[in-house]
């Protein structure tokens, strides 16, 4: 984690690890490799150990994701199933 990721918050690191553990190693016909698509609620439950909806935890996950995008660890690649309301998909870059 040295180098460009050393300044990430603890939440951002936990979110990054959770994304990496849940992203596909190899792509499929419908989902590319290194893509996380399980949504913020999964990150809240698994990475930050919070259950149920809470605006505070949603903001914490969004902040962590924004940190990862700004650090270049992930990039937004669209929404699952191409719908406006689908879960956001993130490509894990250079982890």
Protein backbone atom coordinates (compact mmCIF):
# COMPACT_ATOMS: atom_id res chain seq x y z
CA UNK A 1 0.00 0.00 0.00
CA UNK A 2 2.99 2.27 -0.21
CA UNK A 3 3.18 4.95 -2.82
CA UNK A 4 0.08 6.63 -4.13
CA UNK A 5 -2.33 4.82 -1.79
CA UNK A 6 -0.62 5.70 1.49
CA UNK A 7 -2.83 8.77 2.06
CA UNK A 8 -6.14 6.90 1.74
CA UNK A 9 -8.45 6.89 4.74
CA UNK A 10 -9.10 3.66 6.61
CA UNK A 11 -12.61 3.48 5.11
CA UNK A 12 -11.24 3.88 1.58
CA UNK A 13 -8.74 1.07 2.16
CA UNK A 14 -11.44 -1.25 3.50
CA UNK A 15 -13.69 -0.43 0.54
CA UNK A 16 -10.82 -1.04 -1.89
CA UNK A 17 -10.02 -4.43 -0.32
CA UNK A 18 -13.69 -5.44 -0.42
CA UNK A 19 -13.99 -4.41 -4.06
CA UNK A 20 -10.85 -6.34 -4.95
CA UNK A 21 -12.08 -9.47 -3.19
CA UNK A 22 -15.47 -9.34 -4.93
CA UNK A 23 -14.42 -8.33 -8.44
CA UNK A 24 -14.24 -10.96 -11.15
CA UNK A 25 -10.75 -12.28 -11.89
CA UNK A 26 -11.72 -13.15 -15.44
CA UNK A 27 -14.40 -11.57 -17.56
CA UNK A 28 -17.57 -13.15 -18.87
CA UNK A 29 -19.68 -12.42 -21.91
CA UNK A 30 -21.65 -9.84 -19.90
CA UNK A 31 -19.19 -8.63 -17.26
CA UNK A 32 -15.58 -7.62 -17.82
CA UNK A 33 -12.72 -8.69 -15.57
CA UNK A 34 -11.67 -6.54 -12.60
CA UNK A 35 -15.15 -5.02 -12.28
CA UNK A 36 -17.00 -4.51 -8.99
CA UNK A 37 -20.77 -4.21 -9.30
CA UNK A 38 -22.36 -5.20 -5.98
CA UNK A 39 -23.32 -1.71 -4.83
CA UNK A 40 -22.78 0.60 -1.89
CA UNK A 41 -24.97 -1.42 0.52
CA UNK A 42 -22.66 -4.42 0.14
CA UNK A 43 -19.66 -2.19 0.82
CA UNK A 44 -21.39 -0.76 3.91
CA UNK A 45 -22.16 -4.22 5.26
CA UNK A 46 -18.90 -6.00 4.44
CA UNK A 47 -16.23 -3.29 4.43
CA UNK A 48 -17.60 -0.98 7.11
CA UNK A 49 -19.61 -3.52 9.16
CA UNK A 50 -22.88 -1.56 9.06
CA UNK A 51 -26.29 -3.14 8.51
CA UNK A 52 -29.38 -1.49 7.10
CA UNK A 53 -29.87 1.91 5.51
CA UNK A 54 -28.38 4.95 7.17
CA UNK A 55 -27.66 8.22 5.33
CA UNK A 56 -24.44 8.62 7.30
CA UNK A 57 -23.02 5.29 6.19
CA UNK A 58 -24.09 5.91 2.60
CA UNK A 59 -22.12 9.18 2.67
CA UNK A 60 -19.12 7.35 4.19
CA UNK A 61 -19.15 4.79 1.38
CA UNK A 62 -19.53 7.53 -1.24
CA UNK A 63 -16.60 9.45 0.27
CA UNK A 64 -14.44 6.32 0.23
CA UNK A 65 -15.35 5.58 -3.40
CA UNK A 66 -14.61 9.20 -4.37
CA UNK A 67 -11.19 8.90 -2.66
CA UNK A 68 -10.44 5.75 -4.66
CA UNK A 69 -11.47 7.40 -7.93
CA UNK A 70 -9.35 10.47 -7.13
CA UNK A 71 -6.35 8.24 -6.28
CA UNK A 72 -6.71 6.37 -9.57
CA UNK A 73 -7.40 3.01 -7.91
CA UNK A 74 -10.82 2.60 -9.54
CA UNK A 75 -12.79 4.20 -12.34
CA UNK A 76 -16.52 4.35 -12.96
CA UNK A 77 -17.50 2.25 -15.97
CA UNK A 78 -21.28 2.65 -15.97
CA UNK A 79 -24.29 0.99 -14.41
CA UNK A 80 -25.18 -2.68 -14.19
CA UNK A 81 -27.45 -3.84 -17.01
CA UNK A 82 -27.09 -0.39 -18.62
CA UNK A 83 -30.05 1.06 -16.74
CA UNK A 84 -30.22 4.41 -14.98
CA UNK A 85 -31.11 2.74 -11.69
CA UNK A 86 -28.69 -0.18 -11.90
CA UNK A 87 -25.83 -0.53 -9.45
CA UNK A 88 -22.72 1.47 -10.32
CA UNK A 89 -19.87 -0.56 -11.76
CA UNK A 90 -16.24 0.20 -11.02
CA UNK A 91 -13.14 -1.11 -12.77
CA UNK A 92 -10.26 -1.82 -10.41
CA UNK A 93 -7.17 -0.24 -11.94
CA UNK A 94 -3.59 -1.11 -11.08
CA UNK A 95 -4.10 -2.60 -7.62
